[in-house]
PDB file of all heavy atoms in Angstrom:
ATOM      1  N   ILE A   1     -14.510  -3.869  -7.622  1.00  0.00           N
ATOM      2  CA  ILE A   1     -13.136  -3.459  -7.953  1.00  0.00           C
ATOM      3  C   ILE A   1     -12.169  -3.919  -6.860  1.00  0.00           C
ATOM      4  O   ILE A   1     -11.094  -4.456  -7.146  1.00  0.00           O
ATOM      5  CB  ILE A   1     -13.064  -1.928  -8.121  1.00  0.00           C
ATOM      6  CG1 ILE A   1     -13.743  -1.502  -9.423  1.00  0.00           C
ATOM      7  CG2 ILE A   1     -11.606  -1.438  -8.111  1.00  0.00           C
ATOM      8  CD1 ILE A   1     -13.879   0.002  -9.588  1.00  0.00           C
ATOM      9  N   LEU A   2     -12.559  -3.722  -5.604  1.00  0.00           N
ATOM     10  CA  LEU A   2     -11.680  -4.094  -4.491  1.00  0.00           C
ATOM     11  C   LEU A   2     -11.414  -5.599  -4.474  1.00  0.00           C
ATOM     12  O   LEU A   2     -10.283  -6.031  -4.225  1.00  0.00           O
ATOM     13  CB  LEU A   2     -12.304  -3.647  -3.172  1.00  0.00           C
ATOM     14  CG  LEU A   2     -12.449  -2.136  -2.983  1.00  0.00           C
ATOM     15  CD1 LEU A   2     -13.223  -1.834  -1.702  1.00  0.00           C
ATOM     16  CD2 LEU A   2     -11.080  -1.462  -2.949  1.00  0.00           C
ATOM     17  N   LYS A   3     -12.434  -6.386  -4.735  1.00  0.00           N
ATOM     18  CA  LYS A   3     -12.251  -7.840  -4.753  1.00  0.00           C
ATOM     19  C   LYS A   3     -11.299  -8.249  -5.877  1.00  0.00           C
ATOM     20  O   LYS A   3     -10.377  -9.059  -5.667  1.00  0.00           O
ATOM     21  CB  LYS A   3     -13.592  -8.553  -4.926  1.00  0.00           C
ATOM     22  CG  LYS A   3     -13.463 -10.084  -4.941  1.00  0.00           C
ATOM     23  CD  LYS A   3     -14.795 -10.760  -5.154  1.00  0.00           C
ATOM     24  CE  LYS A   3     -14.638 -12.288  -5.068  1.00  0.00           C
ATOM     25  NZ  LYS A   3     -13.601 -12.819  -6.002  1.00  0.00           N
ATOM     26  N   LEU A   4     -11.516  -7.708  -7.062  1.00  0.00           N
ATOM     27  CA  LEU A   4     -10.673  -8.078  -8.194  1.00  0.00           C
ATOM     28  C   LEU A   4      -9.237  -7.607  -7.996  1.00  0.00           C
ATOM     29  O   LEU A   4      -8.289  -8.310  -8.375  1.00  0.00           O
ATOM     30  CB  LEU A   4     -11.255  -7.487  -9.478  1.00  0.00           C
ATOM     31  CG  LEU A   4     -12.621  -8.046  -9.913  1.00  0.00           C
ATOM     32  CD1 LEU A   4     -13.136  -7.297 -11.138  1.00  0.00           C
ATOM     33  CD2 LEU A   4     -12.525  -9.545 -10.205  1.00  0.00           C
ATOM     34  N   ARG A   5      -9.069  -6.440  -7.397  1.00  0.00           N
ATOM     35  CA  ARG A   5      -7.715  -5.957  -7.128  1.00  0.00           C
ATOM     36  C   ARG A   5      -6.969  -6.888  -6.172  1.00  0.00           C
ATOM     37  O   ARG A   5      -5.788  -7.200  -6.373  1.00  0.00           O
ATOM     38  CB  ARG A   5      -7.764  -4.547  -6.541  1.00  0.00           C
ATOM     39  CG  ARG A   5      -7.930  -3.447  -7.561  1.00  0.00           C
ATOM     40  CD  ARG A   5      -8.062  -2.089  -6.915  1.00  0.00           C
ATOM     41  NE  ARG A   5      -8.012  -1.020  -7.909  1.00  0.00           N
ATOM     42  CZ  ARG A   5      -8.374   0.229  -7.689  1.00  0.00           C
ATOM     43  NH1 ARG A   5      -8.802   0.589  -6.474  1.00  0.00           N
ATOM     44  NH2 ARG A   5      -8.296   1.135  -8.645  1.00  0.00           N
ATOM     45  N   GLN A   6      -7.651  -7.327  -5.131  1.00  0.00           N
ATOM     46  CA  GLN A   6      -6.996  -8.208  -4.177  1.00  0.00           C
ATOM     47  C   GLN A   6      -6.708  -9.567  -4.809  1.00  0.00           C
ATOM     48  O   GLN A   6      -5.643 -10.150  -4.583  1.00  0.00           O
ATOM     49  CB  GLN A   6      -7.842  -8.357  -2.915  1.00  0.00           C
ATOM     50  CG  GLN A   6      -7.216  -9.231  -1.835  1.00  0.00           C
ATOM     51  CD  GLN A   6      -5.846  -8.748  -1.364  1.00  0.00           C
ATOM     52  OE1 GLN A   6      -5.494  -7.578  -1.554  1.00  0.00           O
ATOM     53  NE2 GLN A   6      -5.069  -9.637  -0.756  1.00  0.00           N
ATOM     54  N   ASP A   7      -7.642 -10.065  -5.611  1.00  0.00           N
ATOM     55  CA  ASP A   7      -7.409 -11.330  -6.319  1.00  0.00           C
ATOM     56  C   ASP A   7      -6.180 -11.215  -7.217  1.00  0.00           C
ATOM     57  O   ASP A   7      -5.352 -12.132  -7.285  1.00  0.00           O
ATOM     58  CB  ASP A   7      -8.629 -11.694  -7.173  1.00  0.00           C
ATOM     59  CG  ASP A   7      -9.828 -12.138  -6.344  1.00  0.00           C
ATOM     60  OD1 ASP A   7      -9.646 -12.419  -5.139  1.00  0.00           O
ATOM     61  OD2 ASP A   7     -10.939 -12.195  -6.901  1.00  0.00           O
ATOM     62  N   ARG A   8      -6.046 -10.100  -7.891  1.00  0.00           N
ATOM     63  CA  ARG A   8      -4.900  -9.898  -8.778  1.00  0.00           C
ATOM     64  C   ARG A   8      -3.601  -9.808  -7.984  1.00  0.00           C
ATOM     65  O   ARG A   8      -2.576 -10.386  -8.378  1.00  0.00           O
ATOM     66  CB  ARG A   8      -5.099  -8.632  -9.607  1.00  0.00           C
ATOM     67  CG  ARG A   8      -3.949  -8.334 -10.565  1.00  0.00           C
ATOM     68  CD  ARG A   8      -4.190  -7.064 -11.366  1.00  0.00           C
ATOM     69  NE  ARG A   8      -4.348  -5.893 -10.515  1.00  0.00           N
ATOM     70  CZ  ARG A   8      -4.694  -4.687 -10.963  1.00  0.00           C
ATOM     71  NH1 ARG A   8      -4.942  -4.501 -12.246  1.00  0.00           N
ATOM     72  NH2 ARG A   8      -4.803  -3.672 -10.124  1.00  0.00           N
ATOM     73  N   ALA A   9      -3.626  -9.085  -6.855  1.00  0.00           N
ATOM     74  CA  ALA A   9      -2.424  -8.955  -6.043  1.00  0.00           C
ATOM     75  C   ALA A   9      -1.926 -10.326  -5.580  1.00  0.00           C
ATOM     76  O   ALA A   9      -0.725 -10.628  -5.667  1.00  0.00           O
ATOM     77  CB  ALA A   9      -2.702  -8.051  -4.841  1.00  0.00           C
ATOM     78  N   VAL A  10      -2.832 -11.133  -5.102  1.00  0.00           N
ATOM     79  CA  VAL A  10      -2.455 -12.476  -4.640  1.00  0.00           C
ATOM     80  C   VAL A  10      -1.911 -13.300  -5.802  1.00  0.00           C
ATOM     81  O   VAL A  10      -0.902 -14.007  -5.670  1.00  0.00           O
ATOM     82  CB  VAL A  10      -3.666 -13.170  -3.987  1.00  0.00           C
ATOM     83  CG1 VAL A  10      -3.350 -14.630  -3.674  1.00  0.00           C
ATOM     84  CG2 VAL A  10      -4.074 -12.434  -2.703  1.00  0.00           C
ATOM     85  N   LEU A  11      -2.573 -13.230  -6.938  1.00  0.00           N
ATOM     86  CA  LEU A  11      -2.122 -13.970  -8.115  1.00  0.00           C
ATOM     87  C   LEU A  11      -0.699 -13.576  -8.498  1.00  0.00           C
ATOM     88  O   LEU A  11       0.116 -14.419  -8.895  1.00  0.00           O
ATOM     89  CB  LEU A  11      -3.080 -13.698  -9.282  1.00  0.00           C
ATOM     90  CG  LEU A  11      -2.812 -14.444 -10.594  1.00  0.00           C
ATOM     91  CD1 LEU A  11      -3.029 -15.950 -10.400  1.00  0.00           C
ATOM     92  CD2 LEU A  11      -3.724 -13.914 -11.701  1.00  0.00           C
ATOM     93  N   LEU A  12      -0.363 -12.289  -8.324  1.00  0.00           N
ATOM     94  CA  LEU A  12       0.953 -11.784  -8.704  1.00  0.00           C
ATOM     95  C   LEU A  12       1.989 -11.931  -7.589  1.00  0.00           C
ATOM     96  O   LEU A  12       3.137 -11.512  -7.744  1.00  0.00           O
ATOM     97  CB  LEU A  12       0.840 -10.316  -9.121  1.00  0.00           C
ATOM     98  CG  LEU A  12       0.062 -10.072 -10.414  1.00  0.00           C
ATOM     99  CD1 LEU A  12      -0.173  -8.579 -10.623  1.00  0.00           C
ATOM    100  CD2 LEU A  12       0.797 -10.661 -11.613  1.00  0.00           C
ATOM    101  N   GLY A  13       1.577 -12.494  -6.455  1.00  0.00           N
ATOM    102  CA  GLY A  13       2.530 -12.774  -5.385  1.00  0.00           C
ATOM    103  C   GLY A  13       2.682 -11.691  -4.346  1.00  0.00           C
ATOM    104  O   GLY A  13       3.679 -11.663  -3.619  1.00  0.00           O
ATOM    105  N   PHE A  14       1.699 -10.793  -4.231  1.00  0.00           N
ATOM    106  CA  PHE A  14       1.750  -9.714  -3.257  1.00  0.00           C
ATOM    107  C   PHE A  14       0.682  -9.924  -2.188  1.00  0.00           C
ATOM    108  O   PHE A  14      -0.416 -10.402  -2.490  1.00  0.00           O
ATOM    109  CB  PHE A  14       1.528  -8.360  -3.935  1.00  0.00           C
ATOM    110  CG  PHE A  14       2.630  -7.966  -4.871  1.00  0.00           C
ATOM    111  CD1 PHE A  14       2.588  -8.338  -6.211  1.00  0.00           C
ATOM    112  CD2 PHE A  14       3.722  -7.242  -4.414  1.00  0.00           C
ATOM    113  CE1 PHE A  14       3.610  -7.977  -7.080  1.00  0.00           C
ATOM    114  CE2 PHE A  14       4.742  -6.877  -5.275  1.00  0.00           C
ATOM    115  CZ  PHE A  14       4.693  -7.245  -6.611  1.00  0.00           C
ATOM    116  N   PRO A  15       0.971  -9.565  -0.938  1.00  0.00           N
ATOM    117  CA  PRO A  15      -0.021  -9.757   0.128  1.00  0.00           C
ATOM    118  C   PRO A  15      -1.287  -8.945  -0.093  1.00  0.00           C
ATOM    119  O   PRO A  15      -2.386  -9.416   0.191  1.00  0.00           O
ATOM    120  CB  PRO A  15       0.714  -9.298   1.396  1.00  0.00           C
ATOM    121  CG  PRO A  15       2.164  -9.321   1.051  1.00  0.00           C
ATOM    122  CD  PRO A  15       2.254  -9.038  -0.410  1.00  0.00           C
ATOM    123  N   THR A  16      -1.124  -7.719  -0.587  1.00  0.00           N
ATOM    124  CA  THR A  16      -2.274  -6.828  -0.761  1.00  0.00           C
ATOM    125  C   THR A  16      -2.092  -5.997  -2.028  1.00  0.00           C
ATOM    126  O   THR A  16      -0.993  -5.910  -2.588  1.00  0.00           O
ATOM    127  CB  THR A  16      -2.424  -5.856   0.426  1.00  0.00           C
ATOM    128  OG1 THR A  16      -1.352  -4.905   0.384  1.00  0.00           O
ATOM    129  CG2 THR A  16      -2.434  -6.592   1.750  1.00  0.00           C
ATOM    130  N   HIS A  17      -3.191  -5.368  -2.437  1.00  0.00           N
ATOM    131  CA  HIS A  17      -3.113  -4.448  -3.575  1.00  0.00           C
ATOM    132  C   HIS A  17      -2.162  -3.296  -3.274  1.00  0.00           C
ATOM    133  O   HIS A  17      -1.444  -2.828  -4.172  1.00  0.00           O
ATOM    134  CB  HIS A  17      -4.515  -3.907  -3.887  1.00  0.00           C
ATOM    135  CG  HIS A  17      -4.541  -2.908  -4.997  1.00  0.00           C
ATOM    136  ND1 HIS A  17      -4.349  -3.254  -6.318  1.00  0.00           N
ATOM    137  CD2 HIS A  17      -4.734  -1.551  -4.979  1.00  0.00           C
ATOM    138  CE1 HIS A  17      -4.426  -2.164  -7.075  1.00  0.00           C
ATOM    139  NE2 HIS A  17      -4.650  -1.121  -6.291  1.00  0.00           N
ATOM    140  N   ALA A  18      -2.133  -2.831  -2.033  1.00  0.00           N
ATOM    141  CA  ALA A  18      -1.230  -1.742  -1.674  1.00  0.00           C
ATOM    142  C   ALA A  18       0.228  -2.160  -1.870  1.00  0.00           C
ATOM    143  O   ALA A  18       1.046  -1.379  -2.384  1.00  0.00           O
ATOM    144  CB  ALA A  18      -1.473  -1.302  -0.232  1.00  0.00           C
ATOM    145  N   ASP A  19       0.583  -3.360  -1.473  1.00  0.00           N
ATOM    146  CA  ASP A  19       1.955  -3.841  -1.673  1.00  0.00           C
ATOM    147  C   ASP A  19       2.294  -3.895  -3.161  1.00  0.00           C
ATOM    148  O   ASP A  19       3.400  -3.522  -3.572  1.00  0.00           O
ATOM    149  CB  ASP A  19       2.120  -5.226  -1.049  1.00  0.00           C
ATOM    150  CG  ASP A  19       2.110  -5.192   0.463  1.00  0.00           C
ATOM    151  OD1 ASP A  19       3.082  -4.713   1.059  1.00  0.00           O
ATOM    152  OD2 ASP A  19       1.113  -5.644   1.054  1.00  0.00           O
ATOM    153  N   TYR A  20       1.345  -4.367  -3.964  1.00  0.00           N
ATOM    154  CA  TYR A  20       1.555  -4.446  -5.413  1.00  0.00           C
ATOM    155  C   TYR A  20       1.764  -3.068  -6.014  1.00  0.00           C
ATOM    156  O   TYR A  20       2.702  -2.833  -6.769  1.00  0.00           O
ATOM    157  CB  TYR A  20       0.346  -5.141  -6.045  1.00  0.00           C
ATOM    158  CG  TYR A  20       0.259  -5.018  -7.548  1.00  0.00           C
ATOM    159  CD1 TYR A  20       1.279  -5.486  -8.376  1.00  0.00           C
ATOM    160  CD2 TYR A  20      -0.862  -4.444  -8.151  1.00  0.00           C
ATOM    161  CE1 TYR A  20       1.187  -5.374  -9.757  1.00  0.00           C
ATOM    162  CE2 TYR A  20      -0.963  -4.336  -9.523  1.00  0.00           C
ATOM    163  CZ  TYR A  20       0.063  -4.799 -10.324  1.00  0.00           C
ATOM    164  OH  TYR A  20      -0.033  -4.685 -11.695  1.00  0.00           O
ATOM    165  N   ARG A  21       0.920  -2.116  -5.656  1.00  0.00           N
ATOM    166  CA  ARG A  21       0.968  -0.794  -6.264  1.00  0.00           C
ATOM    167  C   ARG A  21       2.189   0.014  -5.804  1.00  0.00           C
ATOM    168  O   ARG A  21       2.642   0.899  -6.516  1.00  0.00           O
ATOM    169  CB  ARG A  21      -0.306  -0.008  -5.937  1.00  0.00           C
ATOM    170  CG  ARG A  21      -1.547  -0.561  -6.577  1.00  0.00           C
ATOM    171  CD  ARG A  21      -1.530  -0.427  -8.082  1.00  0.00           C
ATOM    172  NE  ARG A  21      -1.433   0.973  -8.468  1.00  0.00           N
ATOM    173  CZ  ARG A  21      -0.679   1.434  -9.441  1.00  0.00           C
ATOM    174  NH1 ARG A  21       0.079   0.604 -10.140  1.00  0.00           N
ATOM    175  NH2 ARG A  21      -0.659   2.722  -9.734  1.00  0.00           N
ATOM    176  N   MET A  22       2.710  -0.291  -4.626  1.00  0.00           N
ATOM    177  CA  MET A  22       3.789   0.527  -4.081  1.00  0.00           C
ATOM    178  C   MET A  22       5.179  -0.041  -4.337  1.00  0.00           C
ATOM    179  O   MET A  22       6.179   0.536  -3.917  1.00  0.00           O
ATOM    180  CB  MET A  22       3.575   0.727  -2.581  1.00  0.00           C
ATOM    181  CG  MET A  22       2.327   1.537  -2.260  1.00  0.00           C
ATOM    182  SD  MET A  22       2.214   1.961  -0.528  1.00  0.00           S
ATOM    183  CE  MET A  22       3.612   3.082  -0.379  1.00  0.00           C
ATOM    184  N   ALA A  23       5.245  -1.148  -5.055  1.00  0.00           N
ATOM    185  CA  ALA A  23       6.545  -1.791  -5.268  1.00  0.00           C
ATOM    186  C   ALA A  23       7.520  -0.906  -6.035  1.00  0.00           C
ATOM    187  O   ALA A  23       8.735  -1.017  -5.865  1.00  0.00           O
ATOM    188  CB  ALA A  23       6.340  -3.120  -6.005  1.00  0.00           C
ATOM    189  N   ASP A  24       7.001  -0.019  -6.887  1.00  0.00           N
ATOM    190  CA  ASP A  24       7.874   0.848  -7.673  1.00  0.00           C
ATOM    191  C   ASP A  24       7.604   2.313  -7.343  1.00  0.00           C
ATOM    192  O   ASP A  24       7.367   3.140  -8.214  1.00  0.00           O
ATOM    193  CB  ASP A  24       7.668   0.600  -9.171  1.00  0.00           C
ATOM    194  CG  ASP A  24       8.694   1.341 -10.027  1.00  0.00           C
ATOM    195  OD1 ASP A  24       9.824   1.534  -9.553  1.00  0.00           O
ATOM    196  OD2 ASP A  24       8.350   1.735 -11.153  1.00  0.00           O
ATOM    197  N   THR A  25       7.632   2.632  -6.056  1.00  0.00           N
ATOM    198  CA  THR A  25       7.445   4.009  -5.601  1.00  0.00           C
ATOM    199  C   THR A  25       8.619   4.415  -4.716  1.00  0.00           C
ATOM    200  O   THR A  25       9.434   3.577  -4.316  1.00  0.00           O
ATOM    201  CB  THR A  25       6.145   4.162  -4.797  1.00  0.00           C
ATOM    202  OG1 THR A  25       6.220   3.333  -3.622  1.00  0.00           O
ATOM    203  CG2 THR A  25       4.926   3.765  -5.626  1.00  0.00           C
ATOM    204  N   MET A  26       8.671   5.697  -4.381  1.00  0.00           N
ATOM    205  CA  MET A  26       9.701   6.153  -3.461  1.00  0.00           C
ATOM    206  C   MET A  26       9.456   5.617  -2.059  1.00  0.00           C
ATOM    207  O   MET A  26      10.390   5.271  -1.345  1.00  0.00           O
ATOM    208  CB  MET A  26       9.740   7.679  -3.440  1.00  0.00           C
ATOM    209  CG  MET A  26      10.166   8.322  -4.753  1.00  0.00           C
ATOM    210  SD  MET A  26      10.220  10.135  -4.666  1.00  0.00           S
ATOM    211  CE  MET A  26      11.733  10.373  -3.703  1.00  0.00           C
ATOM    212  N   ALA A  27       8.186   5.547  -1.660  1.00  0.00           N
ATOM    213  CA  ALA A  27       7.854   5.079  -0.313  1.00  0.00           C
ATOM    214  C   ALA A  27       8.118   3.587  -0.135  1.00  0.00           C
ATOM    215  O   ALA A  27       8.390   3.130   0.982  1.00  0.00           O
ATOM    216  CB  ALA A  27       6.394   5.393   0.001  1.00  0.00           C
ATOM    217  N   LYS A  28       7.962   2.817  -1.197  1.00  0.00           N
ATOM    218  CA  LYS A  28       8.239   1.374  -1.251  1.00  0.00           C
ATOM    219  C   LYS A  28       7.173   0.504  -0.578  1.00  0.00           C
ATOM    220  O   LYS A  28       6.767  -0.516  -1.117  1.00  0.00           O
ATOM    221  CB  LYS A  28       9.610   1.040  -0.638  1.00  0.00           C
ATOM    222  CG  LYS A  28      10.784   1.722  -1.302  1.00  0.00           C
ATOM    223  CD  LYS A  28      10.924   1.345  -2.757  1.00  0.00           C
ATOM    224  CE  LYS A  28      12.158   1.956  -3.383  1.00  0.00           C
ATOM    225  NZ  LYS A  28      12.217   1.727  -4.855  1.00  0.00           N
ATOM    226  N   THR A  29       6.733   0.872   0.645  1.00  0.00           N
ATOM    227  CA  THR A  29       5.811   0.012   1.380  1.00  0.00           C
ATOM    228  C   THR A  29       4.652   0.822   1.948  1.00  0.00           C
ATOM    229  O   THR A  29       4.790   2.026   2.213  1.00  0.00           O
ATOM    230  CB  THR A  29       6.511  -0.699   2.550  1.00  0.00           C
ATOM    231  OG1 THR A  29       6.878   0.272   3.537  1.00  0.00           O
ATOM    232  CG2 THR A  29       7.744  -1.460   2.076  1.00  0.00           C
ATOM    233  N   PRO A  30       3.498   0.169   2.188  1.00  0.00           N
ATOM    234  CA  PRO A  30       2.380   0.853   2.843  1.00  0.00           C
ATOM    235  C   PRO A  30       2.763   1.408   4.208  1.00  0.00           C
ATOM    236  O   PRO A  30       2.318   2.497   4.592  1.00  0.00           O
ATOM    237  CB  PRO A  30       1.315  -0.239   2.960  1.00  0.00           C
ATOM    238  CG  PRO A  30       1.626  -1.197   1.861  1.00  0.00           C
ATOM    239  CD  PRO A  30       3.117  -1.200   1.742  1.00  0.00           C
ATOM    240  N   ALA A  31       3.604   0.685   4.937  1.00  0.00           N
ATOM    241  CA  ALA A  31       3.996   1.133   6.279  1.00  0.00           C
ATOM    242  C   ALA A  31       4.746   2.462   6.226  1.00  0.00           C
ATOM    243  O   ALA A  31       4.543   3.339   7.071  1.00  0.00           O
ATOM    244  CB  ALA A  31       4.849   0.064   6.962  1.00  0.00           C
ATOM    245  N   ASN A  32       5.614   2.620   5.231  1.00  0.00           N
ATOM    246  CA  ASN A  32       6.355   3.873   5.106  1.00  0.00           C
ATOM    247  C   ASN A  32       5.426   5.039   4.790  1.00  0.00           C
ATOM    248  O   ASN A  32       5.579   6.144   5.318  1.00  0.00           O
ATOM    249  CB  ASN A  32       7.427   3.750   4.020  1.00  0.00           C
ATOM    250  CG  ASN A  32       8.581   2.860   4.439  1.00  0.00           C
ATOM    251  OD1 ASN A  32       8.808   2.627   5.627  1.00  0.00           O
ATOM    252  ND2 ASN A  32       9.310   2.346   3.471  1.00  0.00           N
ATOM    253  N   ALA A  33       4.462   4.803   3.921  1.00  0.00           N
ATOM    254  CA  ALA A  33       3.506   5.855   3.586  1.00  0.00           C
ATOM    255  C   ALA A  33       2.649   6.210   4.796  1.00  0.00           C
ATOM    256  O   ALA A  33       2.423   7.390   5.096  1.00  0.00           O
ATOM    257  CB  ALA A  33       2.625   5.408   2.419  1.00  0.00           C
ATOM    258  N   MET A  34       2.165   5.187   5.501  1.00  0.00           N
ATOM    259  CA  MET A  34       1.354   5.438   6.690  1.00  0.00           C
ATOM    260  C   MET A  34       2.173   6.138   7.764  1.00  0.00           C
ATOM    261  O   MET A  34       1.658   6.995   8.497  1.00  0.00           O
ATOM    262  CB  MET A  34       0.787   4.126   7.232  1.00  0.00           C
ATOM    263  CG  MET A  34      -0.416   3.599   6.452  1.00  0.00           C
ATOM    264  SD  MET A  34      -1.871   4.684   6.542  1.00  0.00           S
ATOM    265  CE  MET A  34      -2.266   4.548   8.286  1.00  0.00           C
ATOM    266  N   GLY A  35       3.445   5.796   7.856  1.00  0.00           N
ATOM    267  CA  GLY A  35       4.297   6.429   8.854  1.00  0.00           C
ATOM    268  C   GLY A  35       4.362   7.932   8.665  1.00  0.00           C
ATOM    269  O   GLY A  35       4.267   8.695   9.638  1.00  0.00           O
ATOM    270  N   LEU A  36       4.514   8.377   7.411  1.00  0.00           N
ATOM    271  CA  LEU A  36       4.541   9.810   7.145  1.00  0.00           C
ATOM    272  C   LEU A  36       3.186  10.440   7.462  1.00  0.00           C
ATOM    273  O   LEU A  36       3.108  11.492   8.113  1.00  0.00           O
ATOM    274  CB  LEU A  36       4.908  10.070   5.687  1.00  0.00           C
ATOM    275  CG  LEU A  36       4.828  11.538   5.246  1.00  0.00           C
ATOM    276  CD1 LEU A  36       5.806  12.409   6.039  1.00  0.00           C
ATOM    277  CD2 LEU A  36       5.093  11.669   3.745  1.00  0.00           C
ATOM    278  N   MET A  37       2.110   9.806   7.027  1.00  0.00           N
ATOM    279  CA  MET A  37       0.780  10.385   7.237  1.00  0.00           C
ATOM    280  C   MET A  37       0.457  10.528   8.713  1.00  0.00           C
ATOM    281  O   MET A  37      -0.123  11.532   9.149  1.00  0.00           O
ATOM    282  CB  MET A  37      -0.280   9.546   6.514  1.00  0.00           C
ATOM    283  CG  MET A  37      -0.208   9.661   5.004  1.00  0.00           C
ATOM    284  SD  MET A  37      -1.605   8.913   4.122  1.00  0.00           S
ATOM    285  CE  MET A  37      -1.219   7.161   4.254  1.00  0.00           C
ATOM    286  N   MET A  38       0.849   9.537   9.506  1.00  0.00           N
ATOM    287  CA  MET A  38       0.511   9.588  10.931  1.00  0.00           C
ATOM    288  C   MET A  38       1.404  10.546  11.714  1.00  0.00           C
ATOM    289  O   MET A  38       1.085  10.893  12.856  1.00  0.00           O
ATOM    290  CB  MET A  38       0.563   8.183  11.530  1.00  0.00           C
ATOM    291  CG  MET A  38      -0.474   7.229  10.932  1.00  0.00           C
ATOM    292  SD  MET A  38      -2.152   7.946  10.748  1.00  0.00           S
ATOM    293  CE  MET A  38      -2.584   8.240  12.458  1.00  0.00           C
ATOM    294  N   LYS A  39       2.498  11.000  11.100  1.00  0.00           N
ATOM    295  CA  LYS A  39       3.277  12.071  11.728  1.00  0.00           C
ATOM    296  C   LYS A  39       2.536  13.397  11.649  1.00  0.00           C
ATOM    297  O   LYS A  39       2.760  14.294  12.468  1.00  0.00           O
ATOM    298  CB  LYS A  39       4.641  12.200  11.038  1.00  0.00           C
ATOM    299  CG  LYS A  39       5.631  11.095  11.371  1.00  0.00           C
ATOM    300  CD  LYS A  39       6.946  11.318  10.632  1.00  0.00           C
ATOM    301  CE  LYS A  39       7.939  10.197  10.942  1.00  0.00           C
ATOM    302  NZ  LYS A  39       9.209  10.365  10.180  1.00  0.00           N
ATOM    303  N   VAL A  40       1.675  13.528  10.649  1.00  0.00           N
ATOM    304  CA  VAL A  40       0.984  14.789  10.395  1.00  0.00           C
ATOM    305  C   VAL A  40      -0.442  14.777  10.932  1.00  0.00           C
ATOM    306  O   VAL A  40      -0.957  15.805  11.385  1.00  0.00           O
ATOM    307  CB  VAL A  40       0.990  15.090   8.877  1.00  0.00           C
ATOM    308  CG1 VAL A  40       0.258  16.391   8.569  1.00  0.00           C
ATOM    309  CG2 VAL A  40       2.418  15.144   8.347  1.00  0.00           C
ATOM    310  N   TRP A  41      -1.113  13.623  10.914  1.00  0.00           N
ATOM    311  CA  TRP A  41      -2.532  13.538  11.241  1.00  0.00           C
ATOM    312  C   TRP A  41      -2.890  14.095  12.624  1.00  0.00           C
ATOM    313  O   TRP A  41      -3.818  14.921  12.725  1.00  0.00           O
ATOM    314  CB  TRP A  41      -3.006  12.090  11.100  1.00  0.00           C
ATOM    315  CG  TRP A  41      -4.449  11.868  11.480  1.00  0.00           C
ATOM    316  CD1 TRP A  41      -4.908  11.232  12.601  1.00  0.00           C
ATOM    317  CD2 TRP A  41      -5.600  12.283  10.755  1.00  0.00           C
ATOM    318  NE1 TRP A  41      -6.282  11.214  12.615  1.00  0.00           N
ATOM    319  CE2 TRP A  41      -6.738  11.857  11.491  1.00  0.00           C
ATOM    320  CE3 TRP A  41      -5.793  12.978   9.566  1.00  0.00           C
ATOM    321  CZ2 TRP A  41      -8.038  12.097  11.068  1.00  0.00           C
ATOM    322  CZ3 TRP A  41      -7.100  13.216   9.133  1.00  0.00           C
ATOM    323  CH2 TRP A  41      -8.196  12.784   9.885  1.00  0.00           C
ATOM    324  N   PRO A  42      -2.220  13.714  13.700  1.00  0.00           N
ATOM    325  CA  PRO A  42      -2.630  14.228  15.016  1.00  0.00           C
ATOM    326  C   PRO A  42      -2.583  15.756  15.097  1.00  0.00           C
ATOM    327  O   PRO A  42      -3.494  16.381  15.665  1.00  0.00           O
ATOM    328  CB  PRO A  42      -1.626  13.580  15.980  1.00  0.00           C
ATOM    329  CG  PRO A  42      -1.148  12.354  15.272  1.00  0.00           C
ATOM    330  CD  PRO A  42      -1.106  12.739  13.832  1.00  0.00           C
ATOM    331  N   ALA A  43      -1.543  16.353  14.554  1.00  0.00           N
ATOM    332  CA  ALA A  43      -1.436  17.812  14.588  1.00  0.00           C
ATOM    333  C   ALA A  43      -2.543  18.452  13.765  1.00  0.00           C
ATOM    334  O   ALA A  43      -3.086  19.505  14.140  1.00  0.00           O
ATOM    335  CB  ALA A  43      -0.068  18.248  14.072  1.00  0.00           C
ATOM    336  N   ALA A  44      -2.898  17.834  12.651  1.00  0.00           N
ATOM    337  CA  ALA A  44      -3.953  18.377  11.800  1.00  0.00           C
ATOM    338  C   ALA A  44      -5.299  18.335  12.507  1.00  0.00           C
ATOM    339  O   ALA A  44      -6.074  19.301  12.464  1.00  0.00           O
ATOM    340  CB  ALA A  44      -4.014  17.596  10.490  1.00  0.00           C
TER     341      ALA A  44
END
């Protein structure tokens, strides 16, 4: 599944599957999502 997802992302013009899936989200980018998670992770 991971291989096919990455192949599809590249075919559609996205660097990664995460970039493809997040194009129509509030977070917009993997970096924004990771930024929020890493604000919480150390305290947790």
